[in-house]
Amino acid sequence: MSNRFPPVNKIFDDLDRYRDFCRYEGKVFDERALYNENDRNWIAYKKYLGYLRAKARNNGRNIRSN
């Protein structure tokens, strides 16, 4: 198979990650929610990804704002 369609691979990888998120968080998995900015589960998934990016950026440090 040629490597002419990398976006297709990205879509399937995103779908697998979203499915795992729904499975671990107890959310209802629906393929139609992928890239749908109005779906509640997709919004929760995007917030979760932001949390993971922030956690990686801070190297796991606890930052207290006293």
C-alpha atoms as a PDB file:
ATOM      1  CA  MET A   1       0.000   0.000   0.000  1.00  0.00           C
ATOM      2  CA  SER A   2       1.366   3.381  -0.911  1.00  0.00           C
ATOM      3  CA  ASN A   3       1.806   6.179   1.570  1.00  0.00           C
ATOM      4  CA  ARG A   4      -0.273   8.657  -0.428  1.00  0.00           C
ATOM      5  CA  PHE A   5      -2.991   9.090   2.194  1.00  0.00           C
ATOM      6  CA  PRO A   6      -1.444  10.065   5.527  1.00  0.00           C
ATOM      7  CA  PRO A   7      -4.569  11.996   6.616  1.00  0.00           C
ATOM      8  CA  VAL A   8      -6.543   8.739   6.515  1.00  0.00           C
ATOM      9  CA  ASN A   9      -4.084   7.158   8.923  1.00  0.00           C
ATOM     10  CA  LYS A  10      -4.363  10.211  11.188  1.00  0.00           C
ATOM     11  CA  ILE A  11      -8.151   9.923  11.214  1.00  0.00           C
ATOM     12  CA  PHE A  12      -8.012   6.273  12.262  1.00  0.00           C
ATOM     13  CA  ASP A  13      -5.376   7.027  14.915  1.00  0.00           C
ATOM     14  CA  ASP A  14      -7.541   9.840  16.304  1.00  0.00           C
ATOM     15  CA  LEU A  15     -10.549   7.550  16.289  1.00  0.00           C
ATOM     16  CA  ASP A  16      -8.636   4.905  18.278  1.00  0.00           C
ATOM     17  CA  ARG A  17      -7.466   7.494  20.823  1.00  0.00           C
ATOM     18  CA  TYR A  18     -10.974   8.897  21.164  1.00  0.00           C
ATOM     19  CA  ARG A  19     -12.405   5.389  21.611  1.00  0.00           C
ATOM     20  CA  ASP A  20      -9.877   4.657  24.361  1.00  0.00           C
ATOM     21  CA  PHE A  21     -10.741   7.941  26.075  1.00  0.00           C
ATOM     22  CA  CYS A  22     -14.440   7.092  26.019  1.00  0.00           C
ATOM     23  CA  ARG A  23     -13.792   3.591  27.278  1.00  0.00           C
ATOM     24  CA  TYR A  24     -11.604   4.671  30.207  1.00  0.00           C
ATOM     25  CA  GLU A  25     -13.715   7.683  31.185  1.00  0.00           C
ATOM     26  CA  GLY A  26     -17.051   5.859  30.906  1.00  0.00           C
ATOM     27  CA  LYS A  27     -18.354   8.060  28.098  1.00  0.00           C
ATOM     28  CA  VAL A  28     -20.587   6.893  25.268  1.00  0.00           C
ATOM     29  CA  PHE A  29     -18.491   6.253  22.161  1.00  0.00           C
ATOM     30  CA  ASP A  30     -19.929   7.471  18.871  1.00  0.00           C
ATOM     31  CA  GLU A  31     -17.864   7.719  15.697  1.00  0.00           C
ATOM     32  CA  ARG A  32     -19.938  10.658  14.500  1.00  0.00           C
ATOM     33  CA  ALA A  33     -18.564  12.773  17.349  1.00  0.00           C
ATOM     34  CA  LEU A  34     -15.046  12.696  15.899  1.00  0.00           C
ATOM     35  CA  TYR A  35     -14.061  16.311  15.028  1.00  0.00           C
ATOM     36  CA  ASN A  36     -17.568  17.536  15.940  1.00  0.00           C
ATOM     37  CA  GLU A  37     -16.975  20.691  17.995  1.00  0.00           C
ATOM     38  CA  ASN A  38     -20.576  20.690  19.283  1.00  0.00           C
ATOM     39  CA  ASP A  39     -20.492  17.201  20.829  1.00  0.00           C
ATOM     40  CA  ARG A  40     -20.034  17.089  24.599  1.00  0.00           C
ATOM     41  CA  ASN A  41     -17.795  14.021  24.566  1.00  0.00           C
ATOM     42  CA  TRP A  42     -15.538  15.531  21.914  1.00  0.00           C
ATOM     43  CA  ILE A  43     -15.247  18.735  23.966  1.00  0.00           C
ATOM     44  CA  ALA A  44     -14.334  16.655  27.033  1.00  0.00           C
ATOM     45  CA  TYR A  45     -11.753  14.770  24.973  1.00  0.00           C
ATOM     46  CA  LYS A  46     -10.173  18.001  23.732  1.00  0.00           C
ATOM     47  CA  LYS A  47      -9.989  19.311  27.317  1.00  0.00           C
ATOM     48  CA  TYR A  48      -8.363  16.055  28.355  1.00  0.00           C
ATOM     49  CA  LEU A  49      -5.751  16.460  25.611  1.00  0.00           C
ATOM     50  CA  GLY A  50      -5.090  19.994  26.825  1.00  0.00           C
ATOM     51  CA  TYR A  51      -4.629  18.646  30.344  1.00  0.00           C
ATOM     52  CA  LEU A  52      -2.103  16.091  29.071  1.00  0.00           C
ATOM     53  CA  ARG A  53      -0.187  18.790  27.177  1.00  0.00           C
ATOM     54  CA  ALA A  54      -0.097  21.036  30.254  1.00  0.00           C
ATOM     55  CA  LYS A  55       1.019  18.140  32.427  1.00  0.00           C
ATOM     56  CA  ALA A  56       3.846  17.334  30.014  1.00  0.00           C
ATOM     57  CA  ARG A  57       4.811  20.989  29.790  1.00  0.00           C
ATOM     58  CA  ASN A  58       5.080  21.264  33.589  1.00  0.00           C
ATOM     59  CA  ASN A  59       6.910  17.940  33.899  1.00  0.00           C
ATOM     60  CA  GLY A  60       4.398  16.777  36.490  1.00  0.00           C
ATOM     61  CA  ARG A  61       5.175  19.551  38.994  1.00  0.00           C
ATOM     62  CA  ASN A  62       2.520  20.723  41.403  1.00  0.00           C
ATOM     63  CA  ILE A  63       2.113  24.442  40.965  1.00  0.00           C
ATOM     64  CA  ARG A  64       0.430  26.165  43.843  1.00  0.00           C
ATOM     65  CA  SER A  65      -0.813  29.715  43.585  1.00  0.00           C
ATOM     66  CA  ASN A  66      -0.563  30.941  47.195  1.00  0.00           C
END
